[in-house]
């Protein structure tokens, strides 16, 4: 069986967690996949296939701007031409980045990372909500199989979109355990780490309030942010931003931070807490969305709507570090990209035989 994997809408450094998922899935399929695969990749990311046979879609006008991305998707939807003909040589087509560009007359697997635009519509401009209803919701209803990344998302998708539960499969994300490892020779330092872009649901403002409360008791504590988009001039005392940090920098931060804090209001999965656990870093995380499902009993949970609760959760993680580190290592070990890839193979087989 041949599986086509179009990655045309991937924009390096902008696509966020969906980029990590798509790239790591391709790498894992190249290692352990049971079928034949071909990735269709954009000119902006010719390496996105991660070891799979890949074709660079020179006819797709990939862009880093929102307007350019929408224009490229629209043009391809109207005139799919050679791109569609190429994908229709496959037996099954999987859209890991949700948007079905180009559409094909083949069994379809579609990944839906969350339905945040339906659950928290106030965080999205009207145009973005409309786009997601057309591009995400409609595509999910038409797909033969829908992959989601947590049981929590599965419940939300079935409820919000009215999908047949038999067509929706939960597949957790993974961690590259060859890279994300502890370093016993590195000492923990008095800073908290939060790797997240300043999107509204990431809840930075309440975290800053919590840090102010914490520093009254622990003035040595700092907060280090990663992710593009933070305005250094508007950050409060004790907070610094390292911007869009490369992997080696993030690994160093995971290994040196006193704790990872993750106060997100909404997560389909929440990969940074698992990456931190794999590096032996204590975790304090929100009790919202999928996070309790993902971290289990290996993190200190808190109410992300209450700065005092966030501060208490962080203190709990710091005070329980010796307990949380081994729990976190064991929890993270359950999430591997190889298991993710094998589970996708089973979905491809189900779609092909539907």
Protein backbone atom coordinates (compact mmCIF):
# COMPACT_ATOMS: atom_id res chain seq x y z
CA UNK A 1 0.00 0.00 0.00
CA UNK A 2 1.19 3.51 -0.87
CA UNK A 3 0.42 6.38 1.51
CA UNK A 4 0.64 9.95 0.24
CA UNK A 5 1.51 12.60 2.84
CA UNK A 6 1.04 16.20 1.61
CA UNK A 7 2.83 18.80 3.76
CA UNK A 8 2.24 21.79 1.52
CA UNK A 9 1.00 24.16 4.25
CA UNK A 10 4.01 23.64 6.52
CA UNK A 11 5.93 26.84 7.21
CA UNK A 12 9.15 26.29 9.19
CA UNK A 13 9.15 28.10 12.51
CA UNK A 14 5.54 29.23 12.16
CA UNK A 15 3.49 26.05 12.13
CA UNK A 16 4.29 25.38 15.81
CA UNK A 17 3.43 22.01 17.33
CA UNK A 18 1.88 20.82 14.08
CA UNK A 19 5.30 21.14 12.42
CA UNK A 20 6.91 19.00 15.12
CA UNK A 21 4.19 16.39 14.72
CA UNK A 22 4.40 16.25 10.93
CA UNK A 23 8.18 16.09 10.79
CA UNK A 24 8.57 13.54 13.57
CA UNK A 25 5.81 11.36 12.14
CA UNK A 26 7.59 11.26 8.79
CA UNK A 27 10.92 10.43 10.45
CA UNK A 28 9.35 7.62 12.45
CA UNK A 29 7.50 6.19 9.43
CA UNK A 30 10.83 6.14 7.59
CA UNK A 31 12.26 4.05 10.45
CA UNK A 32 9.43 1.66 11.36
CA UNK A 33 6.60 2.13 8.86
CA UNK A 34 5.05 -0.97 7.30
CA UNK A 35 3.97 0.59 3.99
CA UNK A 36 5.35 2.67 1.13
CA UNK A 37 5.13 6.43 1.61
CA UNK A 38 5.69 9.56 -0.42
CA UNK A 39 5.69 13.05 1.05
CA UNK A 40 4.69 16.07 -1.03
CA UNK A 41 6.68 18.94 0.48
CA UNK A 42 6.71 22.73 -0.05
CA UNK A 43 9.67 24.65 -1.43
CA UNK A 44 10.00 26.32 1.99
CA UNK A 45 10.67 22.97 3.66
CA UNK A 46 12.20 20.52 1.18
CA UNK A 47 13.50 18.42 4.09
CA UNK A 48 10.10 18.00 5.76
CA UNK A 49 9.73 14.40 4.56
CA UNK A 50 12.27 13.35 7.16
CA UNK A 51 13.77 10.43 5.25
CA UNK A 52 10.65 9.39 3.34
CA UNK A 53 10.71 9.55 -0.46
CA UNK A 54 9.62 13.12 -1.18
CA UNK A 55 8.67 15.35 -4.08
CA UNK A 56 9.10 19.11 -3.81
CA UNK A 57 5.91 20.80 -5.01
CA UNK A 58 7.39 23.54 -7.18
CA UNK A 59 3.89 24.35 -8.42
CA UNK A 60 2.68 25.31 -4.94
CA UNK A 61 3.28 29.00 -4.15
CA UNK A 62 4.40 28.48 -0.54
CA UNK A 63 4.61 31.66 1.53
CA UNK A 64 5.52 32.79 5.04
CA UNK A 65 2.80 35.46 5.20
CA UNK A 66 -0.82 34.82 6.12
CA UNK A 67 -2.09 36.44 2.93
CA UNK A 68 0.35 34.46 0.82
CA UNK A 69 -0.53 31.18 2.51
CA UNK A 70 -4.25 31.73 1.98
CA UNK A 71 -3.65 32.67 -1.65
CA UNK A 72 -1.58 29.52 -2.24
CA UNK A 73 -4.23 27.29 -0.66
CA UNK A 74 -7.00 28.97 -2.63
CA UNK A 75 -5.18 28.69 -5.95
CA UNK A 76 -4.42 25.01 -5.35
CA UNK A 77 -8.02 24.29 -4.34
CA UNK A 78 -9.27 25.87 -7.56
CA UNK A 79 -6.59 24.45 -9.86
CA UNK A 80 -5.09 21.33 -8.22
CA UNK A 81 -3.78 20.02 -11.53
CA UNK A 82 -0.55 18.05 -11.32
CA UNK A 83 -0.47 18.10 -7.51
CA UNK A 84 -3.75 16.19 -7.30
CA UNK A 85 -2.76 13.79 -10.06
CA UNK A 86 0.44 13.05 -8.21
CA UNK A 87 -1.30 12.32 -4.89
CA UNK A 88 -3.96 10.17 -6.53
CA UNK A 89 -1.30 7.60 -7.36
CA UNK A 90 -1.43 6.71 -3.65
CA UNK A 91 -3.88 4.25 -2.13
CA UNK A 92 -4.49 6.44 0.94
CA UNK A 93 -3.75 10.14 1.50
CA UNK A 94 -3.03 11.52 4.98
CA UNK A 95 -3.22 15.28 5.67
CA UNK A 96 -1.26 15.65 8.94
CA UNK A 97 -1.55 19.46 8.81
CA UNK A 98 -5.36 19.28 8.63
CA UNK A 99 -5.97 21.46 5.57
CA UNK A 100 -6.76 19.11 2.63
CA UNK A 101 -4.66 20.77 -0.06
CA UNK A 102 -5.11 19.56 -2.73
CA UNK A 103 -8.30 17.52 -2.38
CA UNK A 104 -8.14 14.04 -3.88
CA UNK A 105 -10.49 11.21 -4.78
CA UNK A 106 -8.86 8.66 -2.50
CA UNK A 107 -9.48 7.33 1.03
CA UNK A 108 -8.58 10.22 3.33
CA UNK A 109 -7.00 10.34 6.78
CA UNK A 110 -6.99 13.77 8.37
CA UNK A 111 -5.34 14.90 11.60
CA UNK A 112 -7.24 17.41 13.74
CA UNK A 113 -5.08 18.72 16.57
CA UNK A 114 -7.92 20.48 18.39
CA UNK A 115 -11.13 22.48 17.96
CA UNK A 116 -10.00 25.56 19.82
CA UNK A 117 -11.76 27.83 17.33
CA UNK A 118 -15.05 26.28 18.45
CA UNK A 119 -14.29 25.97 22.17
CA UNK A 120 -12.65 29.41 22.58
CA UNK A 121 -13.95 31.46 19.64
CA UNK A 122 -13.19 34.76 21.33
CA UNK A 123 -9.47 34.14 20.89
CA UNK A 124 -9.75 34.13 17.09
CA UNK A 125 -10.51 36.90 14.60
CA UNK A 126 -13.71 36.37 12.64
CA UNK A 127 -11.80 35.58 9.45
CA UNK A 128 -9.72 32.89 11.15
CA UNK A 129 -12.83 31.27 12.64
CA UNK A 130 -14.47 31.20 9.22
CA UNK A 131 -11.38 29.72 7.60
CA UNK A 132 -11.15 26.95 10.19
CA UNK A 133 -14.83 26.10 9.88
CA UNK A 134 -14.39 25.72 6.13
CA UNK A 135 -10.94 24.15 6.04
CA UNK A 136 -10.86 22.11 9.25
CA UNK A 137 -14.43 21.24 10.24
CA UNK A 138 -15.69 20.44 6.75
CA UNK A 139 -12.60 18.37 5.97
CA UNK A 140 -12.96 16.37 9.20
CA UNK A 141 -16.58 15.56 8.39
CA UNK A 142 -15.59 14.32 4.92
CA UNK A 143 -12.54 12.27 5.95
CA UNK A 144 -12.68 8.49 6.11
CA UNK A 145 -10.65 8.53 9.33
CA UNK A 146 -9.76 11.38 11.70
CA UNK A 147 -6.65 11.23 13.89
CA UNK A 148 -6.65 13.24 17.12
CA UNK A 149 -3.80 13.56 19.60
CA UNK A 150 -5.57 12.99 22.93
CA UNK A 151 -8.72 11.43 24.29
CA UNK A 152 -9.75 14.89 25.43
CA UNK A 153 -9.62 16.18 21.85
CA UNK A 154 -11.50 13.11 20.68
CA UNK A 155 -14.37 13.93 23.02
CA UNK A 156 -14.38 17.57 21.89
CA UNK A 157 -14.30 16.63 18.18
CA UNK A 158 -17.15 14.14 18.48
CA UNK A 159 -19.21 16.61 20.49
CA UNK A 160 -18.51 19.72 18.43
CA UNK A 161 -18.50 18.26 14.93
CA UNK A 162 -20.89 15.36 15.41
CA UNK A 163 -18.43 12.83 14.01
CA UNK A 164 -19.04 9.11 14.15
CA UNK A 165 -16.87 7.91 17.07
CA UNK A 166 -15.83 4.86 15.06
CA UNK A 167 -14.04 7.15 12.58
CA UNK A 168 -12.02 9.07 15.20
CA UNK A 169 -8.79 7.55 16.50
CA UNK A 170 -6.63 8.90 19.34
CA UNK A 171 -2.88 8.69 18.77
CA UNK A 172 -0.64 10.40 21.31
CA UNK A 173 2.43 12.30 20.21
CA UNK A 174 5.94 11.13 21.05
CA UNK A 175 9.34 12.25 22.25
CA UNK A 176 12.71 11.63 20.65
CA UNK A 177 14.34 9.84 23.57
CA UNK A 178 17.73 9.84 21.85
CA UNK A 179 17.76 13.64 22.17
CA UNK A 180 15.59 14.44 25.17
CA UNK A 181 17.62 12.91 27.99
CA UNK A 182 18.70 14.00 31.48
CA UNK A 183 22.25 15.14 32.15
CA UNK A 184 23.19 14.30 35.75
CA UNK A 185 26.33 16.41 35.41
CA UNK A 186 24.33 19.63 34.93
CA UNK A 187 23.07 21.46 38.01
CA UNK A 188 19.56 22.90 38.21
CA UNK A 189 19.46 26.70 38.25
CA UNK A 190 16.91 29.08 39.87
CA UNK A 191 14.80 29.76 36.80
CA UNK A 192 11.46 28.57 35.48
CA UNK A 193 11.04 27.73 31.82
CA UNK A 194 8.00 28.35 29.63
CA UNK A 195 8.45 27.46 25.92
CA UNK A 196 5.46 29.04 24.17
CA UNK A 197 4.66 31.78 21.72
CA UNK A 198 2.61 34.66 23.20
CA UNK A 199 -0.70 33.41 21.84
CA UNK A 200 -3.72 34.28 24.04
CA UNK A 201 -4.41 30.72 25.18
CA UNK A 202 -0.82 30.37 26.40
CA UNK A 203 -1.81 32.61 29.33
CA UNK A 204 1.41 34.57 29.83
CA UNK A 205 -0.23 37.48 31.66
CA UNK A 206 -1.43 35.32 34.56
CA UNK A 207 1.94 33.59 34.69
CA UNK A 208 3.63 36.97 35.09
CA UNK A 209 1.29 37.76 37.99
CA UNK A 210 2.13 34.41 39.56
CA UNK A 211 5.86 35.07 39.19
CA UNK A 212 5.48 38.39 40.98
CA UNK A 213 3.84 36.56 43.88
CA UNK A 214 6.52 33.88 43.88
CA UNK A 215 9.41 36.33 43.92
CA UNK A 216 8.20 37.76 47.22
CA UNK A 217 9.12 34.41 48.75
CA UNK A 218 11.84 33.34 46.34
CA UNK A 219 13.43 36.50 44.92
CA UNK A 220 16.11 34.48 43.15
CA UNK A 221 13.58 32.88 40.79
CA UNK A 222 13.53 34.04 37.18
CA UNK A 223 11.32 33.11 34.25
CA UNK A 224 12.85 32.25 30.88
CA UNK A 225 10.61 32.28 27.81
CA UNK A 226 11.24 30.77 24.42
CA UNK A 227 9.21 31.17 21.25
CA UNK A 228 9.10 34.03 18.77
CA UNK A 229 6.93 37.09 19.28
CA UNK A 230 7.72 38.26 22.81
CA UNK A 231 8.34 42.00 23.20
CA UNK A 232 11.38 42.40 25.46
CA UNK A 233 10.34 45.95 26.32
CA UNK A 234 7.04 44.79 27.81
CA UNK A 235 8.31 41.90 29.92
CA UNK A 236 8.15 42.38 33.71
CA UNK A 237 11.12 42.19 36.08
CA UNK A 238 12.61 38.75 36.36
CA UNK A 239 11.45 37.65 32.90
CA UNK A 240 13.63 37.23 29.82
CA UNK A 241 12.91 35.94 26.34
CA UNK A 242 15.35 33.92 24.25
CA UNK A 243 13.17 34.03 21.16
CA UNK A 244 12.83 31.11 18.79
CA UNK A 245 15.49 28.92 20.44
CA UNK A 246 17.12 26.06 18.49
CA UNK A 247 16.89 22.49 19.76
CA UNK A 248 20.29 22.46 21.51
CA UNK A 249 19.31 25.57 23.49
CA UNK A 250 15.95 24.08 24.46
CA UNK A 251 17.62 20.87 25.60
CA UNK A 252 20.03 22.84 27.76
CA UNK A 253 17.15 24.80 29.28
CA UNK A 254 15.16 21.64 30.06
CA UNK A 255 18.22 20.18 31.80
CA UNK A 256 19.03 23.32 33.81
CA UNK A 257 15.61 24.77 34.73
CA UNK A 258 14.38 24.39 38.29
CA UNK A 259 11.00 23.53 36.77
CA UNK A 260 8.96 23.82 33.60
CA UNK A 261 5.76 25.80 34.07
CA UNK A 262 2.96 25.31 31.56
CA UNK A 263 -0.10 27.49 32.35
CA UNK A 264 -1.90 27.01 29.03
CA UNK A 265 -5.67 27.43 28.95
CA UNK A 266 -6.11 24.98 26.09
CA UNK A 267 -3.94 22.18 24.71
CA UNK A 268 -4.69 19.36 22.33
CA UNK A 269 -1.70 17.48 23.72
CA UNK A 270 1.04 19.66 25.23
CA UNK A 271 4.41 18.31 24.12
CA UNK A 272 6.80 20.56 26.15
CA UNK A 273 5.82 19.04 29.52
CA UNK A 274 6.64 15.55 28.20
CA UNK A 275 9.92 16.78 26.68
CA UNK A 276 10.81 18.37 30.02
CA UNK A 277 10.01 15.16 31.91
CA UNK A 278 12.22 13.19 29.52
CA UNK A 279 15.05 15.55 30.46
CA UNK A 280 14.48 15.07 34.18
CA UNK A 281 12.88 18.47 34.72
CA UNK A 282 10.06 18.84 37.30
CA UNK A 283 6.81 20.08 35.75
CA UNK A 284 4.02 22.35 37.00
CA UNK A 285 1.13 22.33 34.52
CA UNK A 286 -2.37 23.61 33.99
CA UNK A 287 -5.27 21.30 34.77
CA UNK A 288 -7.00 22.41 31.54
CA UNK A 289 -7.54 20.63 28.23
CA UNK A 290 -5.53 17.49 27.59
CA UNK A 291 -2.76 18.24 30.07
CA UNK A 292 -4.02 16.07 32.98
CA UNK A 293 -4.34 13.16 30.54
CA UNK A 294 -0.81 13.68 29.24
CA UNK A 295 1.13 14.33 32.45
CA UNK A 296 -0.82 11.96 34.71
CA UNK A 297 0.48 12.00 38.30
CA UNK A 298 3.96 13.10 37.22
CA UNK A 299 3.37 16.87 37.48
CA UNK A 300 1.99 19.43 39.92
CA UNK A 301 -1.35 20.61 38.48
CA UNK A 302 -2.97 24.00 39.03
CA UNK A 303 -5.91 26.16 37.95
CA UNK A 304 -4.55 28.35 35.10
CA UNK A 305 -7.19 31.03 35.68
CA UNK A 306 -5.85 31.92 39.16
CA UNK A 307 -2.34 33.46 39.53
CA UNK A 308 -2.20 32.39 43.17
CA UNK A 309 -2.97 28.80 42.17
CA UNK A 310 -0.28 28.96 39.47
CA UNK A 311 2.23 30.19 42.06
CA UNK A 312 1.22 27.43 44.47
CA UNK A 313 1.55 24.82 41.73
CA UNK A 314 5.06 26.02 40.87
CA UNK A 315 6.08 25.91 44.54
CA UNK A 316 4.64 22.41 44.73
CA UNK A 317 6.75 21.27 41.78
CA UNK A 318 9.88 22.82 43.27
CA UNK A 319 9.26 21.29 46.69
CA UNK A 320 8.43 17.86 45.21
CA UNK A 321 11.28 17.79 42.69
CA UNK A 322 12.87 14.60 44.01
CA UNK A 323 9.52 12.83 43.74
CA UNK A 324 8.45 14.28 40.39
CA UNK A 325 11.67 13.66 38.45
CA UNK A 326 11.48 9.82 38.46
CA UNK A 327 7.72 9.94 37.93
CA UNK A 328 8.27 12.23 34.95
CA UNK A 329 10.95 10.03 33.42
CA UNK A 330 8.65 7.01 33.63
CA UNK A 331 5.72 8.97 32.21
CA UNK A 332 7.72 10.35 29.28
CA UNK A 333 9.00 6.86 28.41
CA UNK A 334 5.44 5.90 27.44
CA UNK A 335 5.43 8.41 24.56
CA UNK A 336 7.54 7.44 21.53
CA UNK A 337 7.36 8.50 17.90
CA UNK A 338 7.76 4.87 16.86
CA UNK A 339 4.51 3.98 18.65
CA UNK A 340 2.89 7.03 17.05
CA UNK A 341 3.97 5.90 13.58
CA UNK A 342 2.77 2.31 14.03
CA UNK A 343 -0.61 3.55 15.23
CA UNK A 344 -0.88 5.73 12.11
CA UNK A 345 -0.17 2.70 9.96
CA UNK A 346 -3.16 0.94 11.50
CA UNK A 347 -5.35 3.94 10.68
CA UNK A 348 -4.13 3.97 7.08
CA UNK A 349 -5.06 0.30 6.77
CA UNK A 350 -8.51 0.97 8.22
CA UNK A 351 -9.09 3.86 5.81
CA UNK A 352 -8.02 1.79 2.83
CA UNK A 353 -10.44 -1.00 3.70
CA UNK A 354 -13.38 1.25 4.62
